[in-house]
Amino acid sequence: MECIYPEKTSLLDYVSKDAYLIIDDYARFIEKSKSLEEEAGYWKTHHIETGAIASGLSLVQDGRKVLKESPLKRTYLAIFQKGLGRLALDAIHPITTRTMTQFFSQMPMVKVEADRWKKQGATVIVLVDDAKRAQKVEQTFADFEIKSVISNGTVLEGQHQIMVGKMHNGFELPEDKFAILTERELFNKLTNAHREIKKSRMRNV
């Protein structure tokens, strides 16, 4: 087919020109790319020996070259900077994360953290299952003088907000003054996603 269609395409050719790439674990991407090249090489050698394909055919593209030549803007995520190799980066932004505290319905403890976030001007998002739960959580916060608002999905910078959404666990980005809590951390309440996983495991047993 390469003789008929000499132009090569990749997945990125089908992505919008305004798209933004987020590449997680670049070292793993390179490792997988090399593995695919090796597998294609073995397959190609075998079929050339049997006369099934021509020797000049190219079966896979170099993943690194595809990324390098793509005009799309991108962000690389990596645990260690060493894993990014010799990439020419415009800027490096270290991200420090912290596991969210388990409050176990101890609202005075939540109040202390909420006051700390407020003093820092942090953006805090509390995720709940539905609109009804959002109203109940807002009332609980009000009972303990924790100021909060219910958001319709728009992130309100610098505010303590309640939003309908799903996430397994919360986290905090101290340097970026950003935190996400779930009902699991606040009330030790399993989300629907966790319930489904638990039920699935029980069925498998």
N, C-alpha and C. Protein backbone atom coordinates (compact mmCIF):
# COMPACT_ATOMS: atom_id res chain seq x y z
N MET A 1 0.82 -1.21 0.00
CA MET A 1 0.00 0.00 0.00
C MET A 1 0.86 1.27 0.00
N GLU A 2 2.09 1.16 0.51
CA GLU A 2 2.97 2.33 0.56
C GLU A 2 3.33 2.80 -0.84
N CYS A 3 3.36 1.86 -1.79
CA CYS A 3 3.69 2.22 -3.17
C CYS A 3 2.55 3.04 -3.79
N ILE A 4 1.31 2.77 -3.33
CA ILE A 4 0.15 3.48 -3.86
C ILE A 4 -0.11 4.77 -3.08
N TYR A 5 0.04 4.69 -1.75
CA TYR A 5 -0.15 5.85 -0.89
C TYR A 5 1.15 6.15 -0.15
N PRO A 6 2.06 6.89 -0.76
CA PRO A 6 3.38 7.15 -0.17
C PRO A 6 3.32 8.05 1.07
N GLU A 7 2.30 8.90 1.18
CA GLU A 7 2.21 9.81 2.32
C GLU A 7 1.82 9.04 3.58
N LYS A 8 2.56 9.29 4.64
CA LYS A 8 2.28 8.62 5.91
C LYS A 8 1.41 9.50 6.79
N THR A 9 0.54 8.86 7.53
CA THR A 9 -0.33 9.59 8.46
C THR A 9 -0.22 8.96 9.85
N SER A 10 -0.56 9.74 10.84
CA SER A 10 -0.59 9.26 12.22
C SER A 10 -1.86 9.74 12.88
N LEU A 11 -2.08 9.33 14.10
CA LEU A 11 -3.28 9.73 14.84
C LEU A 11 -3.37 11.25 14.95
N LEU A 12 -2.22 11.91 15.06
CA LEU A 12 -2.21 13.36 15.22
C LEU A 12 -2.73 14.10 13.99
N ASP A 13 -2.71 13.44 12.84
CA ASP A 13 -3.22 14.05 11.62
C ASP A 13 -4.74 14.20 11.65
N TYR A 14 -5.39 13.47 12.54
CA TYR A 14 -6.85 13.51 12.64
C TYR A 14 -7.30 14.39 13.81
N VAL A 15 -6.34 15.01 14.49
CA VAL A 15 -6.65 15.87 15.63
C VAL A 15 -6.81 17.31 15.16
N SER A 16 -7.71 18.05 15.79
CA SER A 16 -7.92 19.45 15.45
C SER A 16 -6.63 20.25 15.59
N LYS A 17 -6.47 21.24 14.73
CA LYS A 17 -5.28 22.08 14.76
C LYS A 17 -5.21 22.91 16.05
N ASP A 18 -6.35 23.07 16.71
CA ASP A 18 -6.40 23.84 17.96
C ASP A 18 -6.26 22.94 19.18
N ALA A 19 -6.06 21.65 18.97
CA ALA A 19 -5.96 20.70 20.09
C ALA A 19 -4.69 20.95 20.90
N TYR A 20 -4.72 20.49 22.14
CA TYR A 20 -3.57 20.63 23.03
C TYR A 20 -3.20 19.24 23.54
N LEU A 21 -1.96 18.85 23.34
CA LEU A 21 -1.52 17.52 23.74
C LEU A 21 -1.01 17.50 25.18
N ILE A 22 -1.43 16.50 25.93
CA ILE A 22 -0.86 16.24 27.25
C ILE A 22 -0.27 14.84 27.20
N ILE A 23 1.03 14.75 27.29
CA ILE A 23 1.74 13.48 27.15
C ILE A 23 2.22 13.03 28.52
N ASP A 24 1.62 11.97 29.02
CA ASP A 24 1.95 11.47 30.34
C ASP A 24 2.98 10.35 30.24
N ASP A 25 4.04 10.44 31.03
CA ASP A 25 5.11 9.43 31.08
C ASP A 25 5.77 9.27 29.70
N TYR A 26 6.51 10.28 29.30
CA TYR A 26 7.17 10.30 27.99
C TYR A 26 8.15 9.12 27.85
N ALA A 27 8.82 8.78 28.94
CA ALA A 27 9.77 7.66 28.89
C ALA A 27 9.07 6.36 28.51
N ARG A 28 7.87 6.17 29.04
CA ARG A 28 7.09 4.98 28.70
C ARG A 28 6.66 5.02 27.25
N PHE A 29 6.34 6.21 26.76
CA PHE A 29 5.95 6.38 25.36
C PHE A 29 7.10 5.97 24.43
N ILE A 30 8.31 6.41 24.76
CA ILE A 30 9.49 6.07 23.95
C ILE A 30 9.75 4.56 24.00
N GLU A 31 9.60 3.99 25.19
CA GLU A 31 9.82 2.55 25.36
C GLU A 31 8.84 1.75 24.51
N LYS A 32 7.57 2.16 24.53
CA LYS A 32 6.55 1.47 23.75
C LYS A 32 6.79 1.66 22.26
N SER A 33 7.22 2.84 21.86
CA SER A 33 7.50 3.12 20.46
C SER A 33 8.62 2.22 19.93
N LYS A 34 9.67 2.07 20.73
CA LYS A 34 10.78 1.20 20.33
C LYS A 34 10.32 -0.25 20.25
N SER A 35 9.47 -0.66 21.18
CA SER A 35 8.96 -2.03 21.20
C SER A 35 8.16 -2.33 19.94
N LEU A 36 7.32 -1.37 19.52
CA LEU A 36 6.53 -1.55 18.30
C LEU A 36 7.42 -1.63 17.07
N GLU A 37 8.48 -0.83 17.05
CA GLU A 37 9.41 -0.85 15.93
C GLU A 37 10.10 -2.21 15.83
N GLU A 38 10.49 -2.76 16.98
CA GLU A 38 11.15 -4.07 17.00
C GLU A 38 10.20 -5.17 16.53
N GLU A 39 8.96 -5.14 17.03
CA GLU A 39 7.98 -6.14 16.63
C GLU A 39 7.71 -6.07 15.13
N ALA A 40 7.58 -4.84 14.62
CA ALA A 40 7.35 -4.65 13.19
C ALA A 40 8.54 -5.14 12.38
N GLY A 41 9.74 -4.94 12.92
CA GLY A 41 10.95 -5.39 12.24
C GLY A 41 11.00 -6.90 12.12
N TYR A 42 10.67 -7.62 13.20
CA TYR A 42 10.64 -9.09 13.16
C TYR A 42 9.60 -9.59 12.15
N TRP A 43 8.42 -8.97 12.20
CA TRP A 43 7.33 -9.37 11.30
C TRP A 43 7.74 -9.13 9.85
N LYS A 44 8.36 -7.97 9.60
CA LYS A 44 8.78 -7.61 8.25
C LYS A 44 9.84 -8.57 7.72
N THR A 45 10.83 -8.90 8.56
CA THR A 45 11.90 -9.82 8.15
C THR A 45 11.33 -11.18 7.76
N HIS A 46 10.40 -11.66 8.58
CA HIS A 46 9.80 -12.97 8.31
C HIS A 46 9.06 -12.97 6.98
N HIS A 47 8.28 -11.93 6.71
CA HIS A 47 7.47 -11.90 5.48
C HIS A 47 8.32 -11.57 4.25
N ILE A 48 9.44 -10.90 4.43
CA ILE A 48 10.34 -10.68 3.30
C ILE A 48 10.97 -12.00 2.87
N GLU A 49 11.34 -12.81 3.87
CA GLU A 49 11.94 -14.11 3.59
C GLU A 49 10.98 -15.04 2.85
N THR A 50 9.69 -14.90 3.13
CA THR A 50 8.71 -15.76 2.47
C THR A 50 8.20 -15.14 1.16
N GLY A 51 8.68 -13.91 0.87
CA GLY A 51 8.28 -13.25 -0.36
C GLY A 51 6.90 -12.62 -0.31
N ALA A 52 6.37 -12.43 0.90
CA ALA A 52 5.01 -11.90 1.03
C ALA A 52 4.97 -10.38 0.84
N ILE A 53 6.05 -9.68 1.20
CA ILE A 53 6.07 -8.22 1.06
C ILE A 53 7.41 -7.78 0.48
N ALA A 54 7.44 -6.55 -0.01
CA ALA A 54 8.68 -5.99 -0.57
C ALA A 54 9.57 -5.50 0.57
N SER A 55 10.84 -5.52 0.34
CA SER A 55 11.80 -5.16 1.40
C SER A 55 11.80 -3.67 1.73
N GLY A 56 11.34 -2.84 0.81
CA GLY A 56 11.41 -1.40 1.04
C GLY A 56 10.23 -0.81 1.79
N LEU A 57 9.28 -1.62 2.20
CA LEU A 57 8.09 -1.10 2.88
C LEU A 57 8.40 -0.68 4.31
N SER A 58 7.78 0.42 4.73
CA SER A 58 7.91 0.90 6.10
C SER A 58 6.59 0.65 6.81
N LEU A 59 6.63 -0.07 7.92
CA LEU A 59 5.40 -0.50 8.58
C LEU A 59 4.94 0.43 9.71
N VAL A 60 5.87 1.04 10.41
CA VAL A 60 5.51 1.91 11.53
C VAL A 60 6.29 3.22 11.44
N GLN A 61 5.77 4.22 12.13
CA GLN A 61 6.46 5.50 12.17
C GLN A 61 7.20 5.67 13.49
N ASP A 62 8.23 6.49 13.46
CA ASP A 62 8.99 6.80 14.66
C ASP A 62 8.16 7.76 15.51
N GLY A 63 7.72 7.28 16.68
CA GLY A 63 6.88 8.11 17.54
C GLY A 63 7.52 9.42 17.93
N ARG A 64 8.81 9.39 18.21
CA ARG A 64 9.51 10.62 18.59
C ARG A 64 9.50 11.64 17.45
N LYS A 65 9.70 11.15 16.24
CA LYS A 65 9.72 12.02 15.07
C LYS A 65 8.34 12.62 14.81
N VAL A 66 7.30 11.80 14.99
CA VAL A 66 5.93 12.28 14.79
C VAL A 66 5.62 13.43 15.75
N LEU A 67 6.00 13.26 17.02
CA LEU A 67 5.76 14.31 18.01
C LEU A 67 6.58 15.55 17.70
N LYS A 68 7.84 15.34 17.34
CA LYS A 68 8.73 16.46 17.08
C LYS A 68 8.24 17.32 15.92
N GLU A 69 7.70 16.68 14.90
CA GLU A 69 7.26 17.40 13.71
C GLU A 69 5.84 17.95 13.83
N SER A 70 5.11 17.53 14.85
CA SER A 70 3.74 18.02 15.04
C SER A 70 3.75 19.47 15.51
N PRO A 71 2.92 20.34 14.91
CA PRO A 71 2.87 21.75 15.33
C PRO A 71 2.01 21.98 16.58
N LEU A 72 1.37 20.94 17.08
CA LEU A 72 0.47 21.09 18.23
C LEU A 72 1.23 21.47 19.49
N LYS A 73 0.62 22.36 20.26
CA LYS A 73 1.20 22.73 21.56
C LYS A 73 1.01 21.56 22.51
N ARG A 74 1.90 21.45 23.49
CA ARG A 74 1.84 20.26 24.35
C ARG A 74 2.44 20.49 25.72
N THR A 75 2.08 19.60 26.63
CA THR A 75 2.67 19.55 27.96
C THR A 75 3.10 18.12 28.23
N TYR A 76 4.31 17.95 28.71
CA TYR A 76 4.82 16.63 29.06
C TYR A 76 4.74 16.45 30.58
N LEU A 77 4.20 15.32 31.00
CA LEU A 77 4.14 15.00 32.42
C LEU A 77 5.12 13.88 32.71
N ALA A 78 5.90 14.02 33.76
CA ALA A 78 6.88 12.99 34.11
C ALA A 78 7.16 13.04 35.61
N ILE A 79 7.39 11.88 36.18
CA ILE A 79 7.72 11.82 37.60
C ILE A 79 9.11 12.40 37.83
N PHE A 80 10.04 12.07 36.93
CA PHE A 80 11.40 12.59 37.02
C PHE A 80 11.76 13.32 35.73
N GLN A 81 12.47 14.43 35.85
CA GLN A 81 12.86 15.20 34.67
C GLN A 81 13.77 14.38 33.76
N LYS A 82 14.52 13.47 34.35
CA LYS A 82 15.43 12.63 33.58
C LYS A 82 14.67 11.83 32.52
N GLY A 83 13.43 11.48 32.81
CA GLY A 83 12.63 10.68 31.89
C GLY A 83 12.23 11.42 30.63
N LEU A 84 12.47 12.75 30.59
CA LEU A 84 12.13 13.54 29.41
C LEU A 84 13.25 13.57 28.39
N GLY A 85 14.38 12.96 28.74
CA GLY A 85 15.48 12.87 27.79
C GLY A 85 16.03 14.24 27.42
N ARG A 86 16.26 14.44 26.12
CA ARG A 86 16.85 15.69 25.63
C ARG A 86 15.82 16.61 24.97
N LEU A 87 14.60 16.52 25.42
CA LEU A 87 13.55 17.38 24.87
C LEU A 87 13.87 18.85 25.12
N ALA A 88 13.64 19.67 24.12
CA ALA A 88 13.81 21.12 24.27
C ALA A 88 12.51 21.69 24.83
N LEU A 89 12.53 22.10 26.08
CA LEU A 89 11.32 22.56 26.76
C LEU A 89 11.35 24.08 26.94
N ASP A 90 10.19 24.70 26.76
CA ASP A 90 10.09 26.15 26.96
C ASP A 90 10.14 26.50 28.44
N ALA A 91 9.61 25.63 29.27
CA ALA A 91 9.60 25.89 30.70
C ALA A 91 9.36 24.58 31.45
N ILE A 92 9.83 24.53 32.68
CA ILE A 92 9.64 23.36 33.54
C ILE A 92 8.88 23.81 34.78
N HIS A 93 7.76 23.17 35.04
CA HIS A 93 6.94 23.55 36.19
C HIS A 93 6.79 22.35 37.12
N PRO A 94 7.53 22.34 38.23
CA PRO A 94 7.39 21.23 39.18
C PRO A 94 6.04 21.27 39.89
N ILE A 95 5.39 20.12 39.98
CA ILE A 95 4.07 20.04 40.62
C ILE A 95 4.19 19.22 41.90
N THR A 96 3.86 19.84 43.00
CA THR A 96 3.88 19.15 44.28
C THR A 96 2.45 18.81 44.69
N THR A 97 2.19 17.54 44.93
CA THR A 97 0.84 17.12 45.32
C THR A 97 0.83 16.59 46.75
N ARG A 98 -0.31 16.68 47.37
CA ARG A 98 -0.45 16.16 48.73
C ARG A 98 -1.77 15.40 48.83
N THR A 99 -1.72 14.23 49.40
CA THR A 99 -2.92 13.43 49.58
C THR A 99 -3.90 14.16 50.50
N MET A 100 -5.15 14.14 50.15
CA MET A 100 -6.14 14.84 50.95
C MET A 100 -6.36 14.14 52.29
N THR A 101 -6.52 14.95 53.33
CA THR A 101 -6.76 14.44 54.68
C THR A 101 -8.10 13.71 54.75
N GLN A 102 -8.15 12.62 55.51
CA GLN A 102 -9.41 11.92 55.76
C GLN A 102 -10.05 12.53 57.01
N PHE A 103 -11.18 13.20 56.85
CA PHE A 103 -11.79 13.94 57.95
C PHE A 103 -12.76 13.10 58.78
N PHE A 104 -13.35 12.05 58.19
CA PHE A 104 -14.27 11.16 58.92
C PHE A 104 -15.38 11.93 59.64
N SER A 105 -15.99 12.89 58.94
CA SER A 105 -17.13 13.67 59.45
C SER A 105 -16.78 14.57 60.63
N GLN A 106 -15.51 14.80 60.90
CA GLN A 106 -15.10 15.69 61.98
C GLN A 106 -15.10 17.13 61.43
N MET A 107 -16.25 17.76 61.47
CA MET A 107 -16.43 19.07 60.86
C MET A 107 -15.56 20.17 61.47
N PRO A 108 -15.27 20.15 62.78
CA PRO A 108 -14.33 21.15 63.31
C PRO A 108 -12.96 21.06 62.64
N MET A 109 -12.57 19.85 62.32
CA MET A 109 -11.30 19.64 61.62
C MET A 109 -11.38 20.18 60.19
N VAL A 110 -12.54 19.99 59.55
CA VAL A 110 -12.76 20.52 58.20
C VAL A 110 -12.72 22.05 58.26
N LYS A 111 -13.30 22.61 59.32
CA LYS A 111 -13.33 24.06 59.50
C LYS A 111 -11.92 24.64 59.56
N VAL A 112 -11.04 23.96 60.27
CA VAL A 112 -9.64 24.42 60.40
C VAL A 112 -8.97 24.47 59.03
N GLU A 113 -9.16 23.39 58.24
CA GLU A 113 -8.57 23.34 56.91
C GLU A 113 -9.19 24.39 55.99
N ALA A 114 -10.50 24.56 56.08
CA ALA A 114 -11.20 25.54 55.25
C ALA A 114 -10.70 26.95 55.53
N ASP A 115 -10.46 27.24 56.81
CA ASP A 115 -9.94 28.57 57.19
C ASP A 115 -8.52 28.76 56.64
N ARG A 116 -7.75 27.70 56.65
CA ARG A 116 -6.37 27.78 56.12
C ARG A 116 -6.40 28.07 54.63
N TRP A 117 -7.27 27.34 53.91
CA TRP A 117 -7.39 27.56 52.47
C TRP A 117 -7.88 28.97 52.16
N LYS A 118 -8.84 29.45 52.96
CA LYS A 118 -9.38 30.79 52.75
C LYS A 118 -8.31 31.84 52.94
N LYS A 119 -7.49 31.66 53.96
CA LYS A 119 -6.40 32.60 54.25
C LYS A 119 -5.39 32.63 53.11
N GLN A 120 -5.19 31.47 52.47
CA GLN A 120 -4.23 31.37 51.36
C GLN A 120 -4.83 31.85 50.04
N GLY A 121 -6.15 32.03 50.03
CA GLY A 121 -6.81 32.41 48.78
C GLY A 121 -6.90 31.24 47.82
N ALA A 122 -6.96 30.03 48.35
CA ALA A 122 -6.96 28.82 47.53
C ALA A 122 -8.32 28.58 46.88
N THR A 123 -8.26 27.88 45.75
CA THR A 123 -9.47 27.44 45.08
C THR A 123 -9.77 26.02 45.55
N VAL A 124 -10.94 25.83 46.16
CA VAL A 124 -11.30 24.54 46.74
C VAL A 124 -12.58 24.03 46.08
N ILE A 125 -12.53 22.80 45.60
CA ILE A 125 -13.70 22.19 44.96
C ILE A 125 -14.10 20.95 45.75
N VAL A 126 -15.35 20.91 46.18
CA VAL A 126 -15.89 19.74 46.88
C VAL A 126 -16.82 19.03 45.90
N LEU A 127 -16.48 17.79 45.56
CA LEU A 127 -17.28 17.03 44.59
C LEU A 127 -18.32 16.17 45.29
N VAL A 128 -19.55 16.24 44.81
CA VAL A 128 -20.65 15.45 45.37
C VAL A 128 -21.37 14.72 44.24
N ASP A 129 -22.24 13.76 44.61
CA ASP A 129 -22.88 12.90 43.62
C ASP A 129 -23.94 13.61 42.78
N ASP A 130 -24.75 14.47 43.42
CA ASP A 130 -25.84 15.11 42.68
C ASP A 130 -26.21 16.44 43.33
N ALA A 131 -27.16 17.13 42.72
CA ALA A 131 -27.56 18.47 43.18
C ALA A 131 -28.15 18.43 44.60
N LYS A 132 -28.87 17.34 44.90
CA LYS A 132 -29.48 17.21 46.23
C LYS A 132 -28.40 17.13 47.29
N ARG A 133 -27.35 16.33 47.02
CA ARG A 133 -26.24 16.21 47.96
C ARG A 133 -25.51 17.54 48.09
N ALA A 134 -25.44 18.29 47.00
CA ALA A 134 -24.75 19.58 47.02
C ALA A 134 -25.42 20.52 48.02
N GLN A 135 -26.76 20.53 48.03
CA GLN A 135 -27.50 21.39 48.95
C GLN A 135 -27.29 20.95 50.40
N LYS A 136 -27.27 19.64 50.61
CA LYS A 136 -27.07 19.13 51.98
C LYS A 136 -25.68 19.45 52.50
N VAL A 137 -24.67 19.29 51.64
CA VAL A 137 -23.29 19.58 52.04
C VAL A 137 -23.12 21.08 52.30
N GLU A 138 -23.77 21.90 51.46
CA GLU A 138 -23.70 23.35 51.67
C GLU A 138 -24.30 23.73 53.02
N GLN A 139 -25.40 23.09 53.39
CA GLN A 139 -26.04 23.37 54.68
C GLN A 139 -25.15 22.91 55.83
N THR A 140 -24.51 21.76 55.65
CA THR A 140 -23.60 21.25 56.70
C THR A 140 -22.45 22.22 56.90
N PHE A 141 -21.90 22.73 55.81
CA PHE A 141 -20.82 23.71 55.91
C PHE A 141 -21.31 24.97 56.62
N ALA A 142 -22.52 25.41 56.27
CA ALA A 142 -23.08 26.63 56.88
C ALA A 142 -23.25 26.46 58.38
N ASP A 143 -23.64 25.26 58.81
CA ASP A 143 -23.82 24.98 60.24
C ASP A 143 -22.52 25.14 61.01
N PHE A 144 -21.41 24.96 60.34
CA PHE A 144 -20.10 25.09 60.99
C PHE A 144 -19.35 26.34 60.51
N GLU A 145 -20.12 27.28 59.97
CA GLU A 145 -19.59 28.58 59.55
C GLU A 145 -18.47 28.45 58.51
N ILE A 146 -18.65 27.49 57.61
CA ILE A 146 -17.73 27.33 56.48
C ILE A 146 -18.43 27.90 55.26
N LYS A 147 -17.94 29.03 54.78
CA LYS A 147 -18.59 29.70 53.65
C LYS A 147 -18.32 28.92 52.36
N SER A 148 -19.39 28.63 51.62
CA SER A 148 -19.24 27.90 50.37
C SER A 148 -20.36 28.29 49.42
N VAL A 149 -20.16 28.00 48.14
CA VAL A 149 -21.19 28.27 47.13
C VAL A 149 -21.32 27.02 46.27
N ILE A 150 -22.50 26.84 45.68
CA ILE A 150 -22.72 25.72 44.76
C ILE A 150 -22.42 26.21 43.34
N SER A 151 -21.51 25.55 42.67
CA SER A 151 -21.13 25.94 41.32
C SER A 151 -21.83 25.04 40.30
N ASN A 152 -22.17 25.61 39.17
CA ASN A 152 -22.85 24.85 38.11
C ASN A 152 -21.86 24.16 37.17
N GLY A 153 -20.60 24.12 37.57
CA GLY A 153 -19.58 23.48 36.73
C GLY A 153 -18.43 24.40 36.39
N THR A 154 -18.64 25.70 36.63
CA THR A 154 -17.58 26.68 36.39
C THR A 154 -16.72 26.82 37.63
N VAL A 155 -15.41 26.68 37.47
CA VAL A 155 -14.51 26.80 38.61
C VAL A 155 -14.39 28.26 39.01
N LEU A 156 -14.68 28.53 40.28
CA LEU A 156 -14.62 29.88 40.82
C LEU A 156 -13.30 30.05 41.56
N GLU A 157 -12.42 30.80 40.98
CA GLU A 157 -11.07 30.95 41.53
C GLU A 157 -11.09 31.63 42.89
N GLY A 158 -10.34 31.04 43.83
CA GLY A 158 -10.20 31.62 45.15
C GLY A 158 -11.39 31.40 46.06
N GLN A 159 -12.32 30.52 45.67
CA GLN A 159 -13.51 30.28 46.49
C GLN A 159 -13.63 28.80 46.88
N HIS A 160 -14.41 28.59 47.95
CA HIS A 160 -14.73 27.24 48.42
C HIS A 160 -16.07 26.89 47.78
N GLN A 161 -16.07 25.96 46.84
CA GLN A 161 -17.27 25.68 46.06
C GLN A 161 -17.64 24.20 46.07
N ILE A 162 -18.92 23.95 45.88
CA ILE A 162 -19.44 22.58 45.83
C ILE A 162 -19.90 22.33 44.40
N MET A 163 -19.49 21.20 43.87
CA MET A 163 -19.76 20.93 42.46
C MET A 163 -20.14 19.46 42.28
N VAL A 164 -21.08 19.19 41.39
CA VAL A 164 -21.46 17.81 41.09
C VAL A 164 -20.38 17.22 40.17
N GLY A 165 -19.82 16.09 40.58
CA GLY A 165 -18.77 15.47 39.77
C GLY A 165 -18.28 14.19 40.40
N LYS A 166 -17.45 13.47 39.67
CA LYS A 166 -16.94 12.18 40.13
C LYS A 166 -15.42 12.19 40.18
N MET A 167 -14.88 11.69 41.25
CA MET A 167 -13.44 11.48 41.36
C MET A 167 -13.21 10.50 42.52
N HIS A 168 -12.28 9.57 42.32
CA HIS A 168 -12.07 8.55 43.35
C HIS A 168 -11.52 9.15 44.65
N ASN A 169 -10.54 10.02 44.53
CA ASN A 169 -9.91 10.61 45.72
C ASN A 169 -9.58 12.07 45.47
N GLY A 170 -9.60 12.83 46.54
CA GLY A 170 -9.23 14.23 46.45
C GLY A 170 -7.72 14.40 46.54
N PHE A 171 -7.26 15.62 46.32
CA PHE A 171 -5.83 15.92 46.40
C PHE A 171 -5.66 17.42 46.57
N GLU A 172 -4.44 17.82 46.91
CA GLU A 172 -4.13 19.24 47.06
C GLU A 172 -2.84 19.57 46.33
N LEU A 173 -2.83 20.71 45.67
CA LEU A 173 -1.62 21.25 45.03
C LEU A 173 -1.24 22.49 45.83
N PRO A 174 -0.42 22.32 46.86
CA PRO A 174 -0.10 23.44 47.78
C PRO A 174 0.48 24.66 47.09
N GLU A 175 1.42 24.45 46.17
CA GLU A 175 2.07 25.58 45.52
C GLU A 175 1.12 26.33 44.58
N ASP A 176 0.13 25.62 44.04
CA ASP A 176 -0.82 26.24 43.13
C ASP A 176 -2.09 26.71 43.85
N LYS A 177 -2.15 26.47 45.15
CA LYS A 177 -3.30 26.88 45.96
C LYS A 177 -4.60 26.33 45.37
N PHE A 178 -4.62 25.03 45.23
CA PHE A 178 -5.77 24.35 44.62
C PHE A 178 -6.01 23.03 45.34
N ALA A 179 -7.27 22.73 45.63
CA ALA A 179 -7.59 21.49 46.33
C ALA A 179 -8.93 20.94 45.85
N ILE A 180 -9.02 19.62 45.80
CA ILE A 180 -10.27 18.94 45.47
C ILE A 180 -10.56 17.93 46.58
N LEU A 181 -11.78 17.99 47.11
CA LEU A 181 -12.22 17.03 48.12
C LEU A 181 -13.40 16.25 47.57
N THR A 182 -13.54 15.02 48.04
CA THR A 182 -14.72 14.23 47.71
C THR A 182 -15.44 13.90 49.01
N GLU A 183 -16.63 13.37 48.89
CA GLU A 183 -17.36 12.97 50.10
C GLU A 183 -16.64 11.85 50.82
N ARG A 184 -15.81 11.14 50.11
CA ARG A 184 -15.03 10.06 50.74
C ARG A 184 -14.11 10.63 51.82
N GLU A 185 -13.44 11.74 51.50
CA GLU A 185 -12.56 12.35 52.51
C GLU A 185 -13.35 13.05 53.61
N LEU A 186 -14.43 13.70 53.22
CA LEU A 186 -15.19 14.45 54.21
C LEU A 186 -15.96 13.56 55.18
N PHE A 187 -16.67 12.59 54.61
CA PHE A 187 -17.58 11.79 55.43
C PHE A 187 -17.28 10.30 55.39
N ASN A 188 -16.14 9.94 54.79
CA ASN A 188 -15.78 8.53 54.61
C ASN A 188 -16.90 7.80 53.88
N LYS A 189 -17.45 8.47 52.84
CA LYS A 189 -18.57 7.95 52.08
C LYS A 189 -18.08 7.45 50.73
N LEU A 190 -18.38 6.21 50.39
CA LEU A 190 -17.98 5.66 49.11
C LEU A 190 -18.79 6.29 47.98
N THR A 191 -18.13 6.67 46.89
CA THR A 191 -18.83 7.21 45.74
C THR A 191 -19.49 6.06 44.99
N ASN A 192 -20.39 6.38 44.06
CA ASN A 192 -21.06 5.36 43.26
C ASN A 192 -20.06 4.52 42.49
N ALA A 193 -18.97 5.18 42.02
CA ALA A 193 -17.95 4.46 41.25
C ALA A 193 -17.30 3.40 42.12
N HIS A 194 -17.01 3.75 43.39
CA HIS A 194 -16.42 2.79 44.31
C HIS A 194 -17.38 1.65 44.61
N ARG A 195 -18.69 1.98 44.72
CA ARG A 195 -19.68 0.94 45.00
C ARG A 195 -19.72 -0.06 43.85
N GLU A 196 -19.67 0.45 42.61
CA GLU A 196 -19.71 -0.43 41.45
C GLU A 196 -18.49 -1.34 41.42
N ILE A 197 -17.31 -0.79 41.74
CA ILE A 197 -16.09 -1.59 41.77
C ILE A 197 -16.19 -2.67 42.84
N LYS A 198 -16.71 -2.28 44.01
CA LYS A 198 -16.84 -3.22 45.11
C LYS A 198 -17.81 -4.34 44.76
N LYS A 199 -18.96 -3.97 44.12
CA LYS A 199 -19.94 -4.98 43.73
C LYS A 199 -19.35 -5.93 42.69
N SER A 200 -18.58 -5.35 41.76
CA SER A 200 -17.96 -6.16 40.70
C SER A 200 -17.01 -7.18 41.31
N ARG A 201 -16.23 -6.76 42.28
CA ARG A 201 -15.29 -7.66 42.94
C ARG A 201 -16.02 -8.78 43.69
N MET A 202 -17.14 -8.39 44.32
CA MET A 202 -17.92 -9.39 45.06
C MET A 202 -18.50 -10.42 44.09
N ARG A 203 -18.97 -9.95 42.92
CA ARG A 203 -19.53 -10.88 41.93
C ARG A 203 -18.45 -11.83 41.42
N ASN A 204 -17.23 -11.29 41.21
CA ASN A 204 -16.13 -12.13 40.74
C ASN A 204 -15.77 -13.20 41.75
N VAL A 205 -15.84 -12.81 43.04
CA VAL A 205 -15.56 -13.80 44.09
C VAL A 205 -16.61 -14.88 44.08
